[in-house]
Every structure is written in structure tokens, then in C-alpha cells.
Amino acid sequence: MGRAPQSPLPWSQESVDDGLQSVLAGHQRLVASRWAEAFEGLDEDALGEVTQEARQDGQDPGRAVDVFVRSLIRQLEDWKQAATALEGALEKAALGRPLPVWAADALAAEQGRLWGARQALLEAVARQHYGGPASW
């Protein structure tokens, strides 16, 4: 009589799900440590703080904000590339099968976080440059 394998077979759905979970967890660690924190709570006050610090240091506040915003734009581009790589890594980990709903939902949520970070930056710049909604 045969013995059941100790671990799931590499092509089993359980093994594929484990691989997908691993890919998602690795990406989340990267996002949390690099980008999500940079955009968490981003608003015009953050840009105002950059302006204030530049003035205190005797630097050009406009240039300081420009440098800060450009660094955030580069981070958004890096995040976008990582999200694209995540999609490819999930497809590879799925071993040619369609992504399970939970993995597709996780990918969509990641794209939503990226979009939200982009919107937060755009709104922060608009508010810092043009004032709040009362002045619109």
C-alpha cells in the first residue's frame, strides 16, 4: 500500500497556492518598506513641511518641493514596475493556470494602492500650489 506524500506535489493546487502566497508576501514586504510608507498620509502639509525646512535651512523652498515631488514620482514609477513584475511573478507561480480569485483580487488591490498613492501626490501638489478647496 502506498504512502501519501509528506508535502504537496509541485503541480498540486495546494503547492501553487503556496507559491502564489509567497510571491504576494514578498511583494508586500517590498511595498510596505519602500513605497507605502512614503505615500501614507501624504498631503499638502507634507509639502508645506518641506517648504518650511528649506526656508529654515536658507534654501529655495520651490526647489526643495520640486526635488521632493520628483523623488516621489520616481518612487511611483518604481512601484509601478514592481506591480508589473508582481503580475508576471503571479502568472509564473500559477503554472499556466488562471489566477485564483483571491490572487487576482490581491493584484487588483495592489494596483488600487498604487493608483491611490498617485492620486494623493497629485492632490497634495494641487492643494499646496493652489490652496485648499475653499480657494477653488
N, C-alpha and C. Protein backbone atom coordinates (compact mmCIF):
# COMPACT_ATOMS: atom_id res chain seq x y z
N MET A 1 0.84 -1.17 0.00
CA MET A 1 0.00 0.00 0.00
C MET A 1 0.89 1.24 0.00
N GLY A 2 0.56 2.26 -0.84
CA GLY A 2 1.38 3.46 -0.97
C GLY A 2 1.15 4.43 0.17
N ARG A 3 2.14 5.24 0.41
CA ARG A 3 2.09 6.26 1.44
C ARG A 3 1.79 7.63 0.80
N ALA A 4 1.00 8.42 1.47
CA ALA A 4 0.70 9.77 0.99
C ALA A 4 1.96 10.62 1.10
N PRO A 5 2.21 11.50 0.13
CA PRO A 5 3.40 12.34 0.20
C PRO A 5 3.36 13.26 1.42
N GLN A 6 4.54 13.55 1.97
CA GLN A 6 4.66 14.42 3.15
C GLN A 6 4.30 15.88 2.82
N SER A 7 4.64 16.30 1.63
CA SER A 7 4.34 17.68 1.23
C SER A 7 3.55 17.63 -0.08
N PRO A 8 2.88 18.74 -0.40
CA PRO A 8 2.09 18.72 -1.65
C PRO A 8 2.99 18.55 -2.87
N LEU A 9 2.46 17.90 -3.85
CA LEU A 9 3.20 17.73 -5.10
C LEU A 9 3.35 19.10 -5.77
N PRO A 10 4.48 19.35 -6.47
CA PRO A 10 4.75 20.69 -7.01
C PRO A 10 3.68 21.24 -7.94
N TRP A 11 2.93 20.37 -8.57
CA TRP A 11 1.91 20.84 -9.51
C TRP A 11 0.51 20.85 -8.89
N SER A 12 0.39 20.45 -7.62
CA SER A 12 -0.93 20.44 -6.99
C SER A 12 -1.41 21.86 -6.74
N GLN A 13 -2.71 22.02 -6.63
CA GLN A 13 -3.29 23.35 -6.37
C GLN A 13 -2.77 23.91 -5.05
N GLU A 14 -2.60 23.04 -4.05
CA GLU A 14 -2.08 23.50 -2.76
C GLU A 14 -0.68 24.07 -2.91
N SER A 15 0.15 23.42 -3.67
CA SER A 15 1.51 23.90 -3.91
C SER A 15 1.50 25.21 -4.69
N VAL A 16 0.64 25.29 -5.70
CA VAL A 16 0.52 26.52 -6.49
C VAL A 16 0.04 27.67 -5.59
N ASP A 17 -0.96 27.39 -4.75
CA ASP A 17 -1.46 28.43 -3.83
C ASP A 17 -0.35 28.89 -2.89
N ASP A 18 0.45 27.96 -2.39
CA ASP A 18 1.58 28.33 -1.52
C ASP A 18 2.56 29.22 -2.27
N GLY A 19 2.83 28.90 -3.52
CA GLY A 19 3.72 29.72 -4.33
C GLY A 19 3.17 31.11 -4.55
N LEU A 20 1.87 31.19 -4.83
CA LEU A 20 1.23 32.49 -5.02
C LEU A 20 1.27 33.32 -3.75
N GLN A 21 0.99 32.67 -2.61
CA GLN A 21 1.05 33.37 -1.32
C GLN A 21 2.45 33.90 -1.06
N SER A 22 3.45 33.11 -1.39
CA SER A 22 4.84 33.51 -1.19
C SER A 22 5.20 34.73 -2.04
N VAL A 23 4.77 34.72 -3.29
CA VAL A 23 5.02 35.85 -4.19
C VAL A 23 4.35 37.11 -3.64
N LEU A 24 3.09 36.99 -3.22
CA LEU A 24 2.37 38.14 -2.68
C LEU A 24 3.01 38.66 -1.40
N ALA A 25 3.42 37.76 -0.53
CA ALA A 25 4.04 38.18 0.73
C ALA A 25 5.36 38.91 0.46
N GLY A 26 6.15 38.41 -0.46
CA GLY A 26 7.41 39.07 -0.80
C GLY A 26 7.18 40.46 -1.36
N HIS A 27 6.19 40.58 -2.21
CA HIS A 27 5.87 41.89 -2.78
C HIS A 27 5.38 42.85 -1.70
N GLN A 28 4.53 42.37 -0.81
CA GLN A 28 4.00 43.22 0.26
C GLN A 28 5.12 43.74 1.16
N ARG A 29 6.09 42.88 1.46
CA ARG A 29 7.22 43.35 2.28
C ARG A 29 7.96 44.47 1.56
N LEU A 30 8.15 44.33 0.27
CA LEU A 30 8.84 45.34 -0.52
C LEU A 30 8.03 46.63 -0.54
N VAL A 31 6.74 46.54 -0.80
CA VAL A 31 5.89 47.73 -0.88
C VAL A 31 5.82 48.43 0.46
N ALA A 32 5.60 47.68 1.51
CA ALA A 32 5.47 48.29 2.83
C ALA A 32 6.75 49.01 3.23
N SER A 33 7.88 48.43 2.91
CA SER A 33 9.14 49.03 3.35
C SER A 33 9.59 50.17 2.46
N ARG A 34 9.20 50.18 1.20
CA ARG A 34 9.73 51.19 0.29
C ARG A 34 8.74 52.27 -0.07
N TRP A 35 7.54 51.89 -0.47
CA TRP A 35 6.67 52.89 -1.07
C TRP A 35 5.46 53.25 -0.25
N ALA A 36 4.81 52.30 0.32
CA ALA A 36 3.57 52.60 1.04
C ALA A 36 3.83 53.63 2.13
N GLU A 37 4.94 53.51 2.85
CA GLU A 37 5.26 54.46 3.91
C GLU A 37 5.51 55.86 3.36
N ALA A 38 6.11 55.95 2.18
CA ALA A 38 6.40 57.26 1.59
C ALA A 38 5.12 58.00 1.25
N PHE A 39 4.05 57.30 0.93
CA PHE A 39 2.82 57.93 0.49
C PHE A 39 1.72 57.92 1.55
N GLU A 40 1.97 57.23 2.65
CA GLU A 40 0.98 57.16 3.71
C GLU A 40 0.81 58.55 4.34
N GLY A 41 -0.39 59.05 4.35
CA GLY A 41 -0.66 60.35 4.94
C GLY A 41 -0.12 61.52 4.13
N LEU A 42 0.24 61.29 2.88
CA LEU A 42 0.77 62.37 2.05
C LEU A 42 -0.34 63.37 1.75
N ASP A 43 -0.06 64.62 2.06
CA ASP A 43 -0.99 65.70 1.73
C ASP A 43 -0.18 66.98 1.60
N GLU A 44 -0.90 68.09 1.44
CA GLU A 44 -0.21 69.37 1.25
C GLU A 44 0.62 69.76 2.47
N ASP A 45 0.27 69.24 3.64
CA ASP A 45 1.06 69.55 4.84
C ASP A 45 2.48 69.01 4.74
N ALA A 46 2.63 67.83 4.12
CA ALA A 46 3.96 67.26 3.94
C ALA A 46 4.80 68.16 3.04
N LEU A 47 4.18 68.69 1.99
CA LEU A 47 4.90 69.60 1.10
C LEU A 47 5.19 70.92 1.81
N GLY A 48 4.26 71.34 2.66
CA GLY A 48 4.48 72.55 3.46
C GLY A 48 5.65 72.40 4.41
N GLU A 49 5.79 71.19 4.97
CA GLU A 49 6.93 70.93 5.86
C GLU A 49 8.24 71.01 5.10
N VAL A 50 8.26 70.49 3.87
CA VAL A 50 9.47 70.58 3.04
C VAL A 50 9.80 72.04 2.78
N THR A 51 8.77 72.83 2.48
CA THR A 51 8.95 74.26 2.24
C THR A 51 9.52 74.95 3.49
N GLN A 52 8.93 74.64 4.62
CA GLN A 52 9.35 75.25 5.90
C GLN A 52 10.80 74.88 6.23
N GLU A 53 11.14 73.62 6.09
CA GLU A 53 12.51 73.17 6.38
C GLU A 53 13.51 73.85 5.45
N ALA A 54 13.13 74.00 4.18
CA ALA A 54 14.03 74.66 3.22
C ALA A 54 14.26 76.11 3.63
N ARG A 55 13.20 76.79 4.02
CA ARG A 55 13.35 78.19 4.46
C ARG A 55 14.25 78.28 5.68
N GLN A 56 14.06 77.37 6.63
CA GLN A 56 14.88 77.37 7.85
C GLN A 56 16.35 77.11 7.54
N ASP A 57 16.60 76.31 6.50
CA ASP A 57 17.97 75.99 6.11
C ASP A 57 18.54 76.99 5.11
N GLY A 58 17.77 78.03 4.79
CA GLY A 58 18.24 79.04 3.85
C GLY A 58 18.26 78.57 2.40
N GLN A 59 17.45 77.57 2.08
CA GLN A 59 17.39 77.04 0.72
C GLN A 59 16.15 77.56 0.01
N ASP A 60 16.13 77.39 -1.29
CA ASP A 60 14.98 77.77 -2.11
C ASP A 60 13.84 76.79 -1.85
N PRO A 61 12.73 77.26 -1.26
CA PRO A 61 11.62 76.35 -0.95
C PRO A 61 10.99 75.73 -2.20
N GLY A 62 10.89 76.47 -3.29
CA GLY A 62 10.32 75.91 -4.51
C GLY A 62 11.16 74.77 -5.04
N ARG A 63 12.46 74.96 -5.01
CA ARG A 63 13.37 73.90 -5.47
C ARG A 63 13.28 72.69 -4.56
N ALA A 64 13.19 72.91 -3.25
CA ALA A 64 13.10 71.79 -2.30
C ALA A 64 11.84 70.96 -2.54
N VAL A 65 10.71 71.64 -2.78
CA VAL A 65 9.47 70.93 -3.05
C VAL A 65 9.58 70.19 -4.38
N ASP A 66 10.18 70.84 -5.37
CA ASP A 66 10.36 70.20 -6.67
C ASP A 66 11.18 68.92 -6.54
N VAL A 67 12.28 68.99 -5.82
CA VAL A 67 13.13 67.80 -5.62
C VAL A 67 12.35 66.71 -4.90
N PHE A 68 11.60 67.09 -3.86
CA PHE A 68 10.82 66.13 -3.09
C PHE A 68 9.75 65.46 -3.96
N VAL A 69 9.02 66.26 -4.73
CA VAL A 69 7.96 65.71 -5.58
C VAL A 69 8.56 64.82 -6.66
N ARG A 70 9.66 65.23 -7.25
CA ARG A 70 10.31 64.39 -8.27
C ARG A 70 10.77 63.06 -7.68
N SER A 71 11.23 63.07 -6.43
CA SER A 71 11.63 61.80 -5.81
C SER A 71 10.41 60.89 -5.61
N LEU A 72 9.28 61.49 -5.25
CA LEU A 72 8.06 60.70 -5.10
C LEU A 72 7.57 60.16 -6.45
N ILE A 73 7.72 60.95 -7.50
CA ILE A 73 7.34 60.48 -8.84
C ILE A 73 8.20 59.29 -9.24
N ARG A 74 9.50 59.36 -8.95
CA ARG A 74 10.39 58.22 -9.25
C ARG A 74 9.97 56.99 -8.45
N GLN A 75 9.59 57.21 -7.19
CA GLN A 75 9.14 56.09 -6.36
C GLN A 75 7.86 55.48 -6.91
N LEU A 76 6.96 56.32 -7.41
CA LEU A 76 5.73 55.79 -8.04
C LEU A 76 6.07 54.94 -9.26
N GLU A 77 7.04 55.39 -10.05
CA GLU A 77 7.45 54.62 -11.23
C GLU A 77 8.05 53.28 -10.81
N ASP A 78 8.88 53.30 -9.77
CA ASP A 78 9.46 52.04 -9.26
C ASP A 78 8.36 51.11 -8.77
N TRP A 79 7.38 51.67 -8.07
CA TRP A 79 6.26 50.89 -7.55
C TRP A 79 5.47 50.30 -8.71
N LYS A 80 5.25 51.10 -9.76
CA LYS A 80 4.52 50.61 -10.93
C LYS A 80 5.27 49.44 -11.57
N GLN A 81 6.58 49.56 -11.68
CA GLN A 81 7.37 48.47 -12.26
C GLN A 81 7.31 47.23 -11.37
N ALA A 82 7.32 47.43 -10.05
CA ALA A 82 7.21 46.29 -9.14
C ALA A 82 5.84 45.63 -9.26
N ALA A 83 4.79 46.42 -9.46
CA ALA A 83 3.45 45.86 -9.63
C ALA A 83 3.36 45.05 -10.92
N THR A 84 4.02 45.54 -11.97
CA THR A 84 4.07 44.80 -13.23
C THR A 84 4.83 43.49 -13.05
N ALA A 85 5.95 43.57 -12.32
CA ALA A 85 6.72 42.35 -12.03
C ALA A 85 5.91 41.39 -11.18
N LEU A 86 5.12 41.92 -10.25
CA LEU A 86 4.26 41.07 -9.42
C LEU A 86 3.28 40.30 -10.29
N GLU A 87 2.69 40.97 -11.25
CA GLU A 87 1.74 40.30 -12.14
C GLU A 87 2.42 39.14 -12.87
N GLY A 88 3.62 39.39 -13.38
CA GLY A 88 4.37 38.34 -14.08
C GLY A 88 4.76 37.20 -13.15
N ALA A 89 5.17 37.54 -11.94
CA ALA A 89 5.57 36.51 -10.97
C ALA A 89 4.37 35.65 -10.56
N LEU A 90 3.20 36.27 -10.43
CA LEU A 90 1.99 35.51 -10.09
C LEU A 90 1.61 34.57 -11.23
N GLU A 91 1.69 35.07 -12.45
CA GLU A 91 1.38 34.22 -13.60
C GLU A 91 2.33 33.03 -13.67
N LYS A 92 3.60 33.27 -13.41
CA LYS A 92 4.60 32.19 -13.42
C LYS A 92 4.31 31.19 -12.29
N ALA A 93 4.01 31.71 -11.10
CA ALA A 93 3.74 30.83 -9.96
C ALA A 93 2.46 30.03 -10.15
N ALA A 94 1.54 30.52 -10.99
CA ALA A 94 0.29 29.81 -11.24
C ALA A 94 0.48 28.61 -12.16
N LEU A 95 1.66 28.46 -12.72
CA LEU A 95 2.00 27.32 -13.58
C LEU A 95 1.03 27.17 -14.76
N GLY A 96 0.70 28.30 -15.39
CA GLY A 96 -0.16 28.26 -16.57
C GLY A 96 -1.64 28.17 -16.27
N ARG A 97 -2.00 28.11 -15.02
CA ARG A 97 -3.42 28.07 -14.64
C ARG A 97 -3.93 29.50 -14.48
N PRO A 98 -5.24 29.68 -14.58
CA PRO A 98 -5.77 31.02 -14.28
C PRO A 98 -5.52 31.35 -12.81
N LEU A 99 -5.31 32.62 -12.53
CA LEU A 99 -5.12 33.03 -11.14
C LEU A 99 -6.39 32.76 -10.34
N PRO A 100 -6.25 32.22 -9.14
CA PRO A 100 -7.44 32.08 -8.29
C PRO A 100 -8.01 33.48 -7.99
N VAL A 101 -9.26 33.54 -7.66
CA VAL A 101 -9.93 34.82 -7.40
C VAL A 101 -9.18 35.60 -6.33
N TRP A 102 -8.74 34.94 -5.25
CA TRP A 102 -8.08 35.67 -4.17
C TRP A 102 -6.77 36.29 -4.64
N ALA A 103 -6.05 35.64 -5.54
CA ALA A 103 -4.79 36.20 -6.05
C ALA A 103 -5.07 37.36 -7.01
N ALA A 104 -6.09 37.20 -7.85
CA ALA A 104 -6.47 38.28 -8.76
C ALA A 104 -6.95 39.50 -7.96
N ASP A 105 -7.69 39.25 -6.88
CA ASP A 105 -8.15 40.34 -6.02
C ASP A 105 -6.96 41.05 -5.35
N ALA A 106 -5.97 40.28 -4.92
CA ALA A 106 -4.79 40.86 -4.29
C ALA A 106 -4.02 41.73 -5.29
N LEU A 107 -3.92 41.27 -6.53
CA LEU A 107 -3.26 42.04 -7.57
C LEU A 107 -4.03 43.34 -7.85
N ALA A 108 -5.34 43.24 -7.94
CA ALA A 108 -6.17 44.43 -8.17
C ALA A 108 -6.05 45.41 -7.00
N ALA A 109 -5.99 44.88 -5.78
CA ALA A 109 -5.83 45.74 -4.61
C ALA A 109 -4.49 46.47 -4.65
N GLU A 110 -3.46 45.78 -5.08
CA GLU A 110 -2.14 46.42 -5.19
C GLU A 110 -2.17 47.54 -6.22
N GLN A 111 -2.81 47.29 -7.35
CA GLN A 111 -2.93 48.33 -8.37
C GLN A 111 -3.76 49.50 -7.84
N GLY A 112 -4.75 49.20 -7.00
CA GLY A 112 -5.55 50.26 -6.37
C GLY A 112 -4.74 51.10 -5.40
N ARG A 113 -3.86 50.45 -4.63
CA ARG A 113 -2.99 51.20 -3.71
C ARG A 113 -2.04 52.12 -4.48
N LEU A 114 -1.51 51.61 -5.57
CA LEU A 114 -0.62 52.41 -6.41
C LEU A 114 -1.38 53.61 -6.98
N TRP A 115 -2.58 53.39 -7.48
CA TRP A 115 -3.39 54.47 -8.02
C TRP A 115 -3.70 55.48 -6.91
N GLY A 116 -4.02 55.01 -5.73
CA GLY A 116 -4.32 55.89 -4.60
C GLY A 116 -3.12 56.75 -4.21
N ALA A 117 -1.93 56.16 -4.24
CA ALA A 117 -0.72 56.92 -3.93
C ALA A 117 -0.49 58.00 -4.98
N ARG A 118 -0.72 57.67 -6.22
CA ARG A 118 -0.57 58.65 -7.31
C ARG A 118 -1.56 59.79 -7.12
N GLN A 119 -2.80 59.46 -6.80
CA GLN A 119 -3.82 60.49 -6.59
C GLN A 119 -3.48 61.37 -5.39
N ALA A 120 -2.96 60.75 -4.33
CA ALA A 120 -2.57 61.53 -3.14
C ALA A 120 -1.50 62.54 -3.49
N LEU A 121 -0.53 62.13 -4.30
CA LEU A 121 0.54 63.04 -4.71
C LEU A 121 -0.03 64.18 -5.56
N LEU A 122 -0.86 63.84 -6.53
CA LEU A 122 -1.45 64.88 -7.38
C LEU A 122 -2.27 65.88 -6.56
N GLU A 123 -3.05 65.37 -5.62
CA GLU A 123 -3.87 66.25 -4.80
C GLU A 123 -3.01 67.10 -3.87
N ALA A 124 -1.96 66.52 -3.30
CA ALA A 124 -1.07 67.28 -2.42
C ALA A 124 -0.42 68.43 -3.17
N VAL A 125 0.05 68.14 -4.38
CA VAL A 125 0.68 69.19 -5.19
C VAL A 125 -0.32 70.28 -5.53
N ALA A 126 -1.51 69.88 -5.96
CA ALA A 126 -2.53 70.87 -6.32
C ALA A 126 -2.91 71.73 -5.12
N ARG A 127 -3.13 71.10 -3.99
CA ARG A 127 -3.52 71.87 -2.79
C ARG A 127 -2.39 72.77 -2.30
N GLN A 128 -1.16 72.26 -2.35
CA GLN A 128 -0.04 73.06 -1.88
C GLN A 128 0.19 74.25 -2.80
N HIS A 129 0.01 74.03 -4.08
CA HIS A 129 0.27 75.08 -5.05
C HIS A 129 -0.90 76.07 -5.17
N TYR A 130 -2.13 75.54 -5.14
CA TYR A 130 -3.29 76.38 -5.39
C TYR A 130 -4.15 76.64 -4.16
N GLY A 131 -3.81 76.06 -3.03
CA GLY A 131 -4.62 76.23 -1.83
C GLY A 131 -5.68 75.16 -1.73
N GLY A 132 -6.41 75.19 -0.63
CA GLY A 132 -7.44 74.18 -0.38
C GLY A 132 -8.70 74.43 -1.17
N PRO A 133 -9.70 73.56 -1.01
CA PRO A 133 -10.94 73.66 -1.77
C PRO A 133 -11.65 75.01 -1.59
N ALA A 134 -11.47 75.65 -0.43
CA ALA A 134 -12.15 76.94 -0.22
C ALA A 134 -11.70 77.98 -1.24
N SER A 135 -10.45 77.87 -1.69
CA SER A 135 -9.94 78.86 -2.67
C SER A 135 -10.23 78.44 -4.10
N TRP A 136 -10.80 77.26 -4.29
CA TRP A 136 -11.12 76.81 -5.65
C TRP A 136 -12.44 77.36 -6.02
